[in-house]
Amino acid sequence: MTRTAALIRPYREADLAAVYDVCVRTADAGADARGKYRSDDLMPDLFAGPYVFLEPDFAFVLDDGRRAVVYLGRRL
């Protein structure tokens, strides 16, 4: 198996599902919050959405070579 180095890169629209997935799976104090709220999109809408929708120039992801596995937001 060939390993690809993880890479921090700018967010792309194609990363949205992965960013939301990471967010909801860590939204319960680092644990999985799926099923905890009426909508699994609640926490991603609150915490990741503002970066990816309102200020995408300040959104970054850690890409493991297959998908975004971490998202980062940079403050002004």
PDB file of N, CA and C in Angstrom:
ATOM      1  N   MET A   1       0.834  -1.167   0.000  1.00  0.00           N
ATOM      2  CA  MET A   1       0.000   0.000   0.000  1.00  0.00           C
ATOM      3  C   MET A   1       0.888   1.242   0.000  1.00  0.00           C
ATOM      4  N   THR A   2       0.599   2.173  -0.868  1.00  0.00           N
ATOM      5  CA  THR A   2       1.337   3.423  -0.945  1.00  0.00           C
ATOM      6  C   THR A   2       0.696   4.434  -0.008  1.00  0.00           C
ATOM      7  N   ARG A   3       1.507   5.055   0.809  1.00  0.00           N
ATOM      8  CA  ARG A   3       0.991   6.076   1.721  1.00  0.00           C
ATOM      9  C   ARG A   3       1.125   7.444   1.072  1.00  0.00           C
ATOM     10  N   THR A   4       0.109   8.245   1.252  1.00  0.00           N
ATOM     11  CA  THR A   4       0.146   9.619   0.794  1.00  0.00           C
ATOM     12  C   THR A   4       0.184  10.509   2.024  1.00  0.00           C
ATOM     13  N   ALA A   5       1.046  11.473   2.037  1.00  0.00           N
ATOM     14  CA  ALA A   5       1.138  12.384   3.174  1.00  0.00           C
ATOM     15  C   ALA A   5      -0.123  13.222   3.271  1.00  0.00           C
ATOM     16  N   ALA A   6      -0.581  13.429   4.483  1.00  0.00           N
ATOM     17  CA  ALA A   6      -1.726  14.301   4.706  1.00  0.00           C
ATOM     18  C   ALA A   6      -1.337  15.721   4.324  1.00  0.00           C
ATOM     19  N   LEU A   7      -2.312  16.459   3.859  1.00  0.00           N
ATOM     20  CA  LEU A   7      -2.062  17.789   3.324  1.00  0.00           C
ATOM     21  C   LEU A   7      -3.140  18.745   3.808  1.00  0.00           C
ATOM     22  N   ILE A   8      -2.740  19.880   4.355  1.00  0.00           N
ATOM     23  CA  ILE A   8      -3.698  20.939   4.669  1.00  0.00           C
ATOM     24  C   ILE A   8      -3.866  21.754   3.409  1.00  0.00           C
ATOM     25  N   ARG A   9      -5.126  21.899   2.996  1.00  0.00           N
ATOM     26  CA  ARG A   9      -5.409  22.635   1.764  1.00  0.00           C
ATOM     27  C   ARG A   9      -6.690  23.443   1.940  1.00  0.00           C
ATOM     28  N   PRO A  10      -6.930  24.399   1.039  1.00  0.00           N
ATOM     29  CA  PRO A  10      -8.172  25.161   1.104  1.00  0.00           C
ATOM     30  C   PRO A  10      -9.395  24.262   0.914  1.00  0.00           C
ATOM     31  N   TYR A  11     -10.464  24.621   1.581  1.00  0.00           N
ATOM     32  CA  TYR A  11     -11.746  23.943   1.444  1.00  0.00           C
ATOM     33  C   TYR A  11     -12.241  24.041   0.009  1.00  0.00           C
ATOM     34  N   ARG A  12     -12.865  22.976  -0.470  1.00  0.00           N
ATOM     35  CA  ARG A  12     -13.534  22.969  -1.779  1.00  0.00           C
ATOM     36  C   ARG A  12     -14.990  22.565  -1.555  1.00  0.00           C
ATOM     37  N   GLU A  13     -15.868  23.008  -2.416  1.00  0.00           N
ATOM     38  CA  GLU A  13     -17.287  22.658  -2.284  1.00  0.00           C
ATOM     39  C   GLU A  13     -17.491  21.150  -2.208  1.00  0.00           C
ATOM     40  N   ALA A  14     -16.660  20.390  -2.885  1.00  0.00           N
ATOM     41  CA  ALA A  14     -16.769  18.929  -2.873  1.00  0.00           C
ATOM     42  C   ALA A  14     -16.477  18.340  -1.490  1.00  0.00           C
ATOM     43  N   ASP A  15     -15.918  19.129  -0.565  1.00  0.00           N
ATOM     44  CA  ASP A  15     -15.592  18.667   0.783  1.00  0.00           C
ATOM     45  C   ASP A  15     -16.764  18.782   1.755  1.00  0.00           C
ATOM     46  N   LEU A  16     -17.856  19.394   1.331  1.00  0.00           N
ATOM     47  CA  LEU A  16     -18.949  19.705   2.252  1.00  0.00           C
ATOM     48  C   LEU A  16     -19.430  18.484   3.034  1.00  0.00           C
ATOM     49  N   ALA A  17     -19.736  17.391   2.382  1.00  0.00           N
ATOM     50  CA  ALA A  17     -20.249  16.203   3.078  1.00  0.00           C
ATOM     51  C   ALA A  17     -19.231  15.682   4.093  1.00  0.00           C
ATOM     52  N   ALA A  18     -17.952  15.675   3.732  1.00  0.00           N
ATOM     53  CA  ALA A  18     -16.920  15.189   4.647  1.00  0.00           C
ATOM     54  C   ALA A  18     -16.774  16.119   5.847  1.00  0.00           C
ATOM     55  N   VAL A  19     -16.822  17.419   5.626  1.00  0.00           N
ATOM     56  CA  VAL A  19     -16.721  18.386   6.720  1.00  0.00           C
ATOM     57  C   VAL A  19     -17.897  18.209   7.672  1.00  0.00           C
ATOM     58  N   TYR A  20     -19.104  18.090   7.139  1.00  0.00           N
ATOM     59  CA  TYR A  20     -20.279  17.899   7.986  1.00  0.00           C
ATOM     60  C   TYR A  20     -20.188  16.573   8.739  1.00  0.00           C
ATOM     61  N   ASP A  21     -19.683  15.543   8.095  1.00  0.00           N
ATOM     62  CA  ASP A  21     -19.533  14.248   8.744  1.00  0.00           C
ATOM     63  C   ASP A  21     -18.560  14.332   9.915  1.00  0.00           C
ATOM     64  N   VAL A  22     -17.410  14.941   9.702  1.00  0.00           N
ATOM     65  CA  VAL A  22     -16.420  15.092  10.771  1.00  0.00           C
ATOM     66  C   VAL A  22     -17.016  15.897  11.919  1.00  0.00           C
ATOM     67  N   CYS A  23     -17.709  16.967  11.596  1.00  0.00           N
ATOM     68  CA  CYS A  23     -18.262  17.836  12.625  1.00  0.00           C
ATOM     69  C   CYS A  23     -19.277  17.093  13.498  1.00  0.00           C
ATOM     70  N   VAL A  24     -20.239  16.417  12.904  1.00  0.00           N
ATOM     71  CA  VAL A  24     -21.266  15.741  13.702  1.00  0.00           C
ATOM     72  C   VAL A  24     -20.677  14.574  14.482  1.00  0.00           C
ATOM     73  N   ARG A  25     -19.656  13.924  13.946  1.00  0.00           N
ATOM     74  CA  ARG A  25     -19.051  12.785  14.655  1.00  0.00           C
ATOM     75  C   ARG A  25     -18.166  13.207  15.831  1.00  0.00           C
ATOM     76  N   THR A  26     -17.905  14.495  15.953  1.00  0.00           N
ATOM     77  CA  THR A  26     -17.084  14.989  17.071  1.00  0.00           C
ATOM     78  C   THR A  26     -17.807  16.053  17.892  1.00  0.00           C
ATOM     79  N   ALA A  27     -19.074  16.302  17.616  1.00  0.00           N
ATOM     80  CA  ALA A  27     -19.801  17.418  18.218  1.00  0.00           C
ATOM     81  C   ALA A  27     -20.254  17.191  19.653  1.00  0.00           C
ATOM     82  N   ASP A  28     -20.188  15.986  20.144  1.00  0.00           N
ATOM     83  CA  ASP A  28     -20.600  15.701  21.521  1.00  0.00           C
ATOM     84  C   ASP A  28     -19.354  15.590  22.397  1.00  0.00           C
ATOM     85  N   ALA A  29     -18.698  16.734  22.609  1.00  0.00           N
ATOM     86  CA  ALA A  29     -17.467  16.787  23.402  1.00  0.00           C
ATOM     87  C   ALA A  29     -16.416  15.805  22.882  1.00  0.00           C
ATOM     88  N   GLY A  30     -16.304  15.731  21.565  1.00  0.00           N
ATOM     89  CA  GLY A  30     -15.337  14.852  20.932  1.00  0.00           C
ATOM     90  C   GLY A  30     -15.911  13.502  20.552  1.00  0.00           C
ATOM     91  N   ALA A  31     -17.129  13.234  20.964  1.00  0.00           N
ATOM     92  CA  ALA A  31     -17.788  11.967  20.633  1.00  0.00           C
ATOM     93  C   ALA A  31     -18.836  12.195  19.551  1.00  0.00           C
ATOM     94  N   ASP A  32     -19.412  11.127  19.089  1.00  0.00           N
ATOM     95  CA  ASP A  32     -20.394  11.149  18.002  1.00  0.00           C
ATOM     96  C   ASP A  32     -21.730  11.725  18.480  1.00  0.00           C
ATOM     97  N   ALA A  33     -22.211  12.744  17.789  1.00  0.00           N
ATOM     98  CA  ALA A  33     -23.486  13.376  18.140  1.00  0.00           C
ATOM     99  C   ALA A  33     -24.609  12.979  17.192  1.00  0.00           C
ATOM    100  N   ARG A  34     -24.351  12.012  16.299  1.00  0.00           N
ATOM    101  CA  ARG A  34     -25.425  11.587  15.396  1.00  0.00           C
ATOM    102  C   ARG A  34     -26.596  11.048  16.210  1.00  0.00           C
ATOM    103  N   GLY A  35     -27.809  11.516  15.876  1.00  0.00           N
ATOM    104  CA  GLY A  35     -29.022  11.082  16.553  1.00  0.00           C
ATOM    105  C   GLY A  35     -29.312  11.813  17.849  1.00  0.00           C
ATOM    106  N   LYS A  36     -28.427  12.675  18.279  1.00  0.00           N
ATOM    107  CA  LYS A  36     -28.618  13.390  19.544  1.00  0.00           C
ATOM    108  C   LYS A  36     -29.619  14.539  19.404  1.00  0.00           C
ATOM    109  N   TYR A  37     -29.664  15.155  18.243  1.00  0.00           N
ATOM    110  CA  TYR A  37     -30.551  16.277  17.995  1.00  0.00           C
ATOM    111  C   TYR A  37     -31.535  15.913  16.889  1.00  0.00           C
ATOM    112  N   ARG A  38     -32.533  16.723  16.724  1.00  0.00           N
ATOM    113  CA  ARG A  38     -33.549  16.448  15.701  1.00  0.00           C
ATOM    114  C   ARG A  38     -32.928  16.292  14.317  1.00  0.00           C
ATOM    115  N   SER A  39     -31.907  17.070  14.034  1.00  0.00           N
ATOM    116  CA  SER A  39     -31.207  16.989  12.747  1.00  0.00           C
ATOM    117  C   SER A  39     -29.715  16.804  12.987  1.00  0.00           C
ATOM    118  N   ASP A  40     -29.118  15.875  12.286  1.00  0.00           N
ATOM    119  CA  ASP A  40     -27.667  15.687  12.395  1.00  0.00           C
ATOM    120  C   ASP A  40     -26.898  16.858  11.799  1.00  0.00           C
ATOM    121  N   ASP A  41     -27.565  17.720  11.057  1.00  0.00           N
ATOM    122  CA  ASP A  41     -26.901  18.887  10.476  1.00  0.00           C
ATOM    123  C   ASP A  41     -26.844  20.076  11.433  1.00  0.00           C
ATOM    124  N   LEU A  42     -27.478  19.976  12.602  1.00  0.00           N
ATOM    125  CA  LEU A  42     -27.507  21.118  13.518  1.00  0.00           C
ATOM    126  C   LEU A  42     -26.107  21.583  13.915  1.00  0.00           C
ATOM    127  N   MET A  43     -25.297  20.709  14.438  1.00  0.00           N
ATOM    128  CA  MET A  43     -23.960  21.106  14.880  1.00  0.00           C
ATOM    129  C   MET A  43     -23.078  21.546  13.703  1.00  0.00           C
ATOM    130  N   PRO A  44     -23.064  20.814  12.590  1.00  0.00           N
ATOM    131  CA  PRO A  44     -22.281  21.309  11.448  1.00  0.00           C
ATOM    132  C   PRO A  44     -22.777  22.666  10.928  1.00  0.00           C
ATOM    133  N   ASP A  45     -24.102  22.872  10.929  1.00  0.00           N
ATOM    134  CA  ASP A  45     -24.626  24.173  10.497  1.00  0.00           C
ATOM    135  C   ASP A  45     -24.132  25.291  11.411  1.00  0.00           C
ATOM    136  N   LEU A  46     -24.015  25.009  12.696  1.00  0.00           N
ATOM    137  CA  LEU A  46     -23.581  26.031  13.657  1.00  0.00           C
ATOM    138  C   LEU A  46     -22.071  26.257  13.649  1.00  0.00           C
ATOM    139  N   PHE A  47     -21.311  25.175  13.548  1.00  0.00           N
ATOM    140  CA  PHE A  47     -19.865  25.299  13.745  1.00  0.00           C
ATOM    141  C   PHE A  47     -19.033  25.278  12.469  1.00  0.00           C
ATOM    142  N   ALA A  48     -19.416  24.527  11.478  1.00  0.00           N
ATOM    143  CA  ALA A  48     -18.644  24.466  10.229  1.00  0.00           C
ATOM    144  C   ALA A  48     -19.255  25.343   9.146  1.00  0.00           C
ATOM    145  N   GLY A  49     -20.565  25.410   9.117  1.00  0.00           N
ATOM    146  CA  GLY A  49     -21.277  26.158   8.081  1.00  0.00           C
ATOM    147  C   GLY A  49     -20.838  27.596   7.910  1.00  0.00           C
ATOM    148  N   PRO A  50     -20.674  28.354   9.008  1.00  0.00           N
ATOM    149  CA  PRO A  50     -20.257  29.745   8.824  1.00  0.00           C
ATOM    150  C   PRO A  50     -18.948  29.894   8.054  1.00  0.00           C
ATOM    151  N   TYR A  51     -18.032  28.968   8.247  1.00  0.00           N
ATOM    152  CA  TYR A  51     -16.776  29.041   7.495  1.00  0.00           C
ATOM    153  C   TYR A  51     -16.978  28.648   6.038  1.00  0.00           C
ATOM    154  N   VAL A  52     -17.601  27.506   5.806  1.00  0.00           N
ATOM    155  CA  VAL A  52     -17.667  27.002   4.435  1.00  0.00           C
ATOM    156  C   VAL A  52     -18.650  27.765   3.559  1.00  0.00           C
ATOM    157  N   PHE A  53     -19.698  28.345   4.162  1.00  0.00           N
ATOM    158  CA  PHE A  53     -20.680  29.079   3.359  1.00  0.00           C
ATOM    159  C   PHE A  53     -20.437  30.584   3.336  1.00  0.00           C
ATOM    160  N   LEU A  54     -20.041  31.157   4.463  1.00  0.00           N
ATOM    161  CA  LEU A  54     -19.923  32.612   4.543  1.00  0.00           C
ATOM    162  C   LEU A  54     -18.507  33.126   4.284  1.00  0.00           C
ATOM    163  N   GLU A  55     -17.503  32.366   4.680  1.00  0.00           N
ATOM    164  CA  GLU A  55     -16.103  32.785   4.508  1.00  0.00           C
ATOM    165  C   GLU A  55     -15.243  31.614   4.040  1.00  0.00           C
ATOM    166  N   PRO A  56     -15.546  31.051   2.876  1.00  0.00           N
ATOM    167  CA  PRO A  56     -14.792  29.871   2.437  1.00  0.00           C
ATOM    168  C   PRO A  56     -13.295  30.119   2.266  1.00  0.00           C
ATOM    169  N   ASP A  57     -12.883  31.381   2.111  1.00  0.00           N
ATOM    170  CA  ASP A  57     -11.454  31.671   2.012  1.00  0.00           C
ATOM    171  C   ASP A  57     -10.726  31.411   3.331  1.00  0.00           C
ATOM    172  N   PHE A  58     -11.484  31.284   4.414  1.00  0.00           N
ATOM    173  CA  PHE A  58     -10.907  31.030   5.732  1.00  0.00           C
ATOM    174  C   PHE A  58     -11.143  29.596   6.193  1.00  0.00           C
ATOM    175  N   ALA A  59     -11.581  28.739   5.293  1.00  0.00           N
ATOM    176  CA  ALA A  59     -11.841  27.333   5.625  1.00  0.00           C
ATOM    177  C   ALA A  59     -10.777  26.449   4.974  1.00  0.00           C
ATOM    178  N   PHE A  60     -10.267  25.521   5.749  1.00  0.00           N
ATOM    179  CA  PHE A  60      -9.234  24.592   5.287  1.00  0.00           C
ATOM    180  C   PHE A  60      -9.583  23.192   5.748  1.00  0.00           C
ATOM    181  N   VAL A  61      -9.024  22.216   5.090  1.00  0.00           N
ATOM    182  CA  VAL A  61      -9.219  20.825   5.494  1.00  0.00           C
ATOM    183  C   VAL A  61      -7.880  20.121   5.531  1.00  0.00           C
ATOM    184  N   LEU A  62      -7.821  19.069   6.325  1.00  0.00           N
ATOM    185  CA  LEU A  62      -6.700  18.145   6.291  1.00  0.00           C
ATOM    186  C   LEU A  62      -7.157  16.987   5.427  1.00  0.00           C
ATOM    187  N   ASP A  63      -6.512  16.808   4.311  1.00  0.00           N
ATOM    188  CA  ASP A  63      -6.863  15.787   3.326  1.00  0.00           C
ATOM    189  C   ASP A  63      -5.894  14.628   3.481  1.00  0.00           C
ATOM    190  N   ASP A  64      -6.442  13.429   3.697  1.00  0.00           N
ATOM    191  CA  ASP A  64      -5.578  12.261   3.878  1.00  0.00           C
ATOM    192  C   ASP A  64      -5.228  11.580   2.564  1.00  0.00           C
ATOM    193  N   GLY A  65      -5.551  12.209   1.456  1.00  0.00           N
ATOM    194  CA  GLY A  65      -5.293  11.641   0.140  1.00  0.00           C
ATOM    195  C   GLY A  65      -6.531  11.025  -0.473  1.00  0.00           C
ATOM    196  N   ARG A  66      -7.555  10.823   0.362  1.00  0.00           N
ATOM    197  CA  ARG A  66      -8.832  10.276  -0.127  1.00  0.00           C
ATOM    198  C   ARG A  66      -9.986  11.227   0.122  1.00  0.00           C
ATOM    199  N   ARG A  67      -9.929  11.923   1.261  1.00  0.00           N
ATOM    200  CA  ARG A  67     -11.016  12.829   1.626  1.00  0.00           C
ATOM    201  C   ARG A  67     -10.565  13.756   2.738  1.00  0.00           C
ATOM    202  N   ALA A  68     -11.386  14.762   3.007  1.00  0.00           N
ATOM    203  CA  ALA A  68     -11.120  15.652   4.132  1.00  0.00           C
ATOM    204  C   ALA A  68     -11.421  14.890   5.427  1.00  0.00           C
ATOM    205  N   VAL A  69     -10.469  14.889   6.342  1.00  0.00           N
ATOM    206  CA  VAL A  69     -10.657  14.174   7.605  1.00  0.00           C
ATOM    207  C   VAL A  69     -10.688  15.113   8.810  1.00  0.00           C
ATOM    208  N   VAL A  70     -10.322  16.363   8.589  1.00  0.00           N
ATOM    209  CA  VAL A  70     -10.371  17.397   9.618  1.00  0.00           C
ATOM    210  C   VAL A  70     -10.700  18.699   8.901  1.00  0.00           C
ATOM    211  N   TYR A  71     -11.479  19.555   9.558  1.00  0.00           N
ATOM    212  CA  TYR A  71     -11.695  20.883   8.983  1.00  0.00           C
ATOM    213  C   TYR A  71     -11.160  21.917   9.952  1.00  0.00           C
ATOM    214  N   LEU A  72     -10.715  23.030   9.399  1.00  0.00           N
ATOM    215  CA  LEU A  72     -10.138  24.113  10.179  1.00  0.00           C
ATOM    216  C   LEU A  72     -10.725  25.415   9.698  1.00  0.00           C
ATOM    217  N   GLY A  73     -10.967  26.315  10.620  1.00  0.00           N
ATOM    218  CA  GLY A  73     -11.419  27.648  10.254  1.00  0.00           C
ATOM    219  C   GLY A  73     -10.439  28.659  10.826  1.00  0.00           C
ATOM    220  N   ARG A  74     -10.095  29.631  10.048  1.00  0.00           N
ATOM    221  CA  ARG A  74      -9.146  30.637  10.487  1.00  0.00           C
ATOM    222  C   ARG A  74      -9.900  31.930  10.787  1.00  0.00           C
ATOM    223  N   ARG A  75      -9.665  32.492  11.933  1.00  0.00           N
ATOM    224  CA  ARG A  75     -10.286  33.759  12.285  1.00  0.00           C
ATOM    225  C   ARG A  75      -9.526  34.922  11.672  1.00  0.00           C
ATOM    226  N   LEU A  76     -10.246  35.998  11.482  1.00  0.00           N
ATOM    227  CA  LEU A  76      -9.594  37.216  10.991  1.00  0.00           C
ATOM    228  C   LEU A  76      -8.627  37.758  11.998  1.00  0.00           C
TER     229      LEU A  76
END
